[in-house]
Amino acid sequence: MADTTARRDGPSPLSRYAERFAAATRASGGALRLAELPFLAQVDVRLDPKGPASDAVGPALGFPLPLEPNTLARGGEFAALWLGPDEWLVIGPAGTRTHLEARLREAVGDRHAAVVDVSAQRTTLLVGGARAAELLAHGCSLDLHPRSFGAGRCAQTTLARAQVVLARAEAGPGFRVLVRSSFAGYLAEWLLDAASEYTWNSPDSTRT
């Protein structure tokens, strides 16, 4: 059940960019889609992947934590992103942060593990459309071709010199970009500027 009290008070970090994202999306003629996915539940989990805590978390999520570097696993409404040999970021829908954290804490019990709600640290950007990888390539050194960074892949990297967690979207040629809230405005401006390459000739363009 969604916990509506778990949302942060006030607007999301990128709420003021909603209209500009929508305008750039329209102006691209379907080549791009830019949007914020605000208030997603984000819980950091640290444990020994070979220990009993790992065995307990899998049933709680409905799927095992991914053990291969830079991969993610999904099941139902949750996803788990591999961040390191003993660290994962578990993501859920908006309004589920309290429930998700409690669920994971109950699963690990008194086993050696750390479960921390980090939902307020980052917001999430959706960068979709047929030119999404090309757009991100302007500021990211990763090879984002589906052969190298396809479904089920994620990575901690830099985008326009901002630290981000990058993950392939569930469907279609798109990505989720998790960025710290303090850098979200900077990255939004960069994305809109980079997107102007694909939207400059449209009356809906935000380019000046």
Protein backbone atom coordinates (compact mmCIF):
# COMPACT_ATOMS: atom_id res chain seq x y z
CA MET A 1 0.00 0.00 0.00
CA ALA A 2 1.32 3.42 -0.92
CA ASP A 3 2.39 5.59 1.98
CA THR A 4 1.36 9.08 0.94
CA THR A 5 2.88 10.57 4.08
CA ALA A 6 6.31 9.41 2.92
CA ARG A 7 6.53 12.00 0.15
CA ARG A 8 8.62 15.05 0.73
CA ASP A 9 6.71 18.25 1.32
CA GLY A 10 6.68 20.76 -1.50
CA PRO A 11 7.49 20.47 -5.20
CA SER A 12 9.90 17.99 -6.70
CA PRO A 13 13.45 19.13 -7.54
CA LEU A 14 12.57 19.59 -11.22
CA SER A 15 8.91 20.58 -11.06
CA ARG A 16 9.70 23.98 -12.56
CA TYR A 17 11.09 22.24 -15.67
CA ALA A 18 7.95 20.25 -16.48
CA GLU A 19 6.69 22.64 -19.17
CA ARG A 20 10.11 23.00 -20.77
CA PHE A 21 10.59 19.24 -20.85
CA ALA A 22 7.17 18.84 -22.46
CA ALA A 23 7.94 21.54 -25.03
CA ALA A 24 11.27 19.95 -25.96
CA THR A 25 9.57 16.57 -26.26
CA ARG A 26 6.94 17.98 -28.63
CA ALA A 27 9.52 19.92 -30.62
CA SER A 28 11.62 16.81 -31.22
CA GLY A 29 8.82 15.22 -33.21
CA GLY A 30 9.10 11.99 -31.26
CA ALA A 31 12.89 11.79 -31.36
CA LEU A 32 13.18 12.57 -27.65
CA ARG A 33 11.16 12.42 -24.49
CA LEU A 34 12.26 14.35 -21.42
CA ALA A 35 10.45 14.13 -18.10
CA GLU A 36 11.05 13.98 -14.37
CA LEU A 37 9.92 10.87 -12.49
CA PRO A 38 9.59 12.49 -9.07
CA PHE A 39 9.53 11.04 -5.58
CA LEU A 40 10.52 7.48 -6.47
CA ALA A 41 11.31 5.32 -3.45
CA GLN A 42 15.06 4.67 -3.23
CA VAL A 43 16.56 2.44 -0.57
CA ASP A 44 20.28 1.70 -0.34
CA VAL A 45 21.10 -1.87 0.71
CA ARG A 46 24.55 -3.04 1.80
CA LEU A 47 25.24 -6.66 2.65
CA ASP A 48 27.43 -9.66 1.89
CA PRO A 49 26.07 -11.14 -1.34
CA LYS A 50 27.10 -14.60 -0.13
CA GLY A 51 25.61 -14.16 3.33
CA PRO A 52 22.21 -14.96 4.83
CA ALA A 53 20.97 -11.38 4.51
CA SER A 54 21.18 -11.65 0.73
CA ASP A 55 19.14 -14.83 0.81
CA ALA A 56 16.50 -13.05 2.88
CA VAL A 57 16.19 -9.97 0.67
CA GLY A 58 15.35 -11.92 -2.48
CA PRO A 59 12.02 -13.30 -1.23
CA ALA A 60 11.09 -9.89 0.21
CA LEU A 61 11.53 -8.27 -3.20
CA GLY A 62 10.23 -11.18 -5.22
CA PHE A 63 13.52 -11.56 -7.10
CA PRO A 64 17.19 -12.03 -6.13
CA LEU A 65 19.61 -9.13 -5.98
CA PRO A 66 21.69 -8.94 -9.18
CA LEU A 67 25.25 -10.11 -8.62
CA GLU A 68 26.76 -9.29 -12.01
CA PRO A 69 28.40 -5.85 -12.04
CA ASN A 70 26.41 -3.04 -13.65
CA THR A 71 23.19 -4.99 -14.00
CA LEU A 72 19.73 -4.55 -12.59
CA ALA A 73 16.89 -6.90 -11.77
CA ARG A 74 13.17 -6.18 -11.79
CA GLY A 75 10.10 -7.83 -10.40
CA GLY A 76 6.64 -6.39 -9.92
CA GLU A 77 6.89 -2.73 -8.98
CA PHE A 78 10.49 -2.83 -7.72
CA ALA A 79 13.95 -2.83 -9.29
CA ALA A 80 17.40 -3.41 -7.75
CA LEU A 81 20.47 -1.78 -9.30
CA TRP A 82 23.97 -3.12 -8.65
CA LEU A 83 26.17 -0.29 -7.36
CA GLY A 84 29.09 -2.30 -6.04
CA PRO A 85 30.13 -5.76 -4.80
CA ASP A 86 28.14 -5.26 -1.59
CA GLU A 87 25.76 -2.42 -2.46
CA TRP A 88 22.45 -2.10 -4.31
CA LEU A 89 19.89 0.63 -4.88
CA VAL A 90 16.33 -0.66 -4.65
CA ILE A 91 13.77 1.54 -6.41
CA GLY A 92 10.01 1.57 -6.10
CA PRO A 93 7.06 3.74 -7.13
CA ALA A 94 6.38 7.10 -5.57
CA GLY A 95 4.75 6.81 -2.17
CA THR A 96 6.29 3.44 -1.25
CA ARG A 97 9.52 4.52 0.45
CA THR A 98 8.43 3.81 4.04
CA HIS A 99 6.89 0.49 3.08
CA LEU A 100 9.92 -0.55 1.05
CA GLU A 101 12.43 0.34 3.75
CA ALA A 102 10.38 -1.46 6.42
CA ARG A 103 9.99 -4.50 4.19
CA LEU A 104 13.72 -4.78 3.63
CA ARG A 105 14.59 -4.13 7.27
CA GLU A 106 12.20 -6.84 8.36
CA ALA A 107 13.71 -9.24 5.82
CA VAL A 108 17.32 -8.79 6.99
CA GLY A 109 16.37 -8.73 10.67
CA ASP A 110 19.45 -8.82 12.88
CA ARG A 111 21.67 -10.15 10.11
CA HIS A 112 24.74 -8.12 9.14
CA ALA A 113 23.32 -5.59 6.67
CA ALA A 114 22.46 -1.92 6.25
CA VAL A 115 19.16 -0.63 4.85
CA VAL A 116 18.86 3.15 4.42
CA ASP A 117 16.15 5.26 2.81
CA VAL A 118 17.96 7.62 0.40
CA SER A 119 14.89 8.77 -1.54
CA ALA A 120 15.54 12.43 -0.79
CA GLN A 121 19.08 12.33 -2.19
CA ARG A 122 18.18 12.00 -5.86
CA THR A 123 15.48 12.65 -8.38
CA THR A 124 15.02 10.67 -11.59
CA LEU A 125 14.94 11.87 -15.17
CA LEU A 126 13.46 9.91 -18.04
CA VAL A 127 15.40 10.43 -21.26
CA GLY A 128 13.57 8.49 -23.95
CA GLY A 129 13.01 8.39 -27.68
CA ALA A 130 14.96 7.14 -30.67
CA ARG A 131 17.71 9.77 -30.18
CA ALA A 132 18.05 9.31 -26.41
CA ALA A 133 21.40 7.52 -26.52
CA GLU A 134 22.73 10.05 -29.02
CA LEU A 135 21.68 12.89 -26.75
CA LEU A 136 23.32 11.38 -23.67
CA ALA A 137 26.48 10.64 -25.64
CA HIS A 138 27.14 14.39 -25.77
CA GLY A 139 28.04 14.24 -22.09
CA CYS A 140 28.64 10.60 -21.20
CA SER A 141 31.66 8.48 -22.11
CA LEU A 142 29.87 5.13 -21.84
CA ASP A 143 29.02 3.17 -24.97
CA LEU A 144 25.22 3.34 -24.82
CA HIS A 145 24.54 1.21 -27.88
CA PRO A 146 22.09 -1.60 -27.04
CA ARG A 147 24.81 -4.16 -27.74
CA SER A 148 26.88 -2.72 -24.88
CA PHE A 149 24.27 -1.10 -22.65
CA GLY A 150 21.04 -2.89 -23.34
CA ALA A 151 18.12 -4.06 -21.25
CA GLY A 152 19.10 -4.93 -17.70
CA ARG A 153 22.17 -2.69 -17.60
CA CYS A 154 23.02 0.15 -15.23
CA ALA A 155 26.13 2.08 -14.23
CA GLN A 156 27.43 4.81 -11.99
CA THR A 157 28.98 7.35 -14.32
CA THR A 158 29.18 11.06 -15.11
CA LEU A 159 26.84 12.97 -17.39
CA ALA A 160 27.92 16.49 -18.22
CA ARG A 161 30.38 16.15 -15.30
CA ALA A 162 27.56 15.38 -12.86
CA GLN A 163 27.63 12.09 -10.97
CA VAL A 164 24.61 9.98 -11.96
CA VAL A 165 23.26 6.47 -11.89
CA LEU A 166 22.22 5.52 -15.41
CA ALA A 167 19.87 2.64 -16.18
CA ARG A 168 18.13 1.37 -19.27
CA ALA A 169 14.39 2.05 -19.13
CA GLU A 170 12.05 -0.90 -18.90
CA ALA A 171 10.93 -0.68 -22.52
CA GLY A 172 11.94 1.20 -25.63
CA PRO A 173 15.12 3.15 -26.43
CA GLY A 174 15.23 5.12 -23.22
CA PHE A 175 17.14 5.65 -19.99
CA ARG A 176 16.55 6.60 -16.40
CA VAL A 177 19.04 9.10 -15.02
CA LEU A 178 19.24 9.34 -11.23
CA VAL A 179 20.94 12.56 -10.19
CA ARG A 180 21.47 14.19 -6.82
CA SER A 181 18.81 16.78 -6.13
CA SER A 182 21.42 19.53 -5.72
CA PHE A 183 22.66 18.93 -9.29
CA ALA A 184 19.25 18.28 -10.85
CA GLY A 185 18.68 21.82 -12.12
CA TYR A 186 22.13 21.98 -13.67
CA LEU A 187 21.58 18.66 -15.46
CA ALA A 188 18.12 19.68 -16.62
CA GLU A 189 19.56 22.80 -18.24
CA TRP A 190 22.28 20.75 -19.89
CA LEU A 191 19.77 18.24 -21.28
CA LEU A 192 17.54 20.98 -22.65
CA ASP A 193 20.51 22.66 -24.29
CA ALA A 194 21.72 19.38 -25.80
CA ALA A 195 18.19 18.58 -26.95
CA SER A 196 18.04 21.83 -28.92
CA GLU A 197 20.06 20.06 -31.63
CA TYR A 198 16.93 18.02 -32.33
CA THR A 199 14.30 20.69 -31.69
CA TRP A 200 15.70 23.97 -33.04
CA ASN A 201 13.33 24.23 -36.02
CA SER A 202 10.11 23.76 -34.05
CA PRO A 203 7.91 26.59 -32.73
CA ASP A 204 7.70 24.66 -29.45
CA SER A 205 11.47 24.73 -28.99
CA THR A 206 12.87 26.20 -25.80
CA ARG A 207 16.05 27.27 -27.55
CA THR A 208 16.78 30.98 -27.35
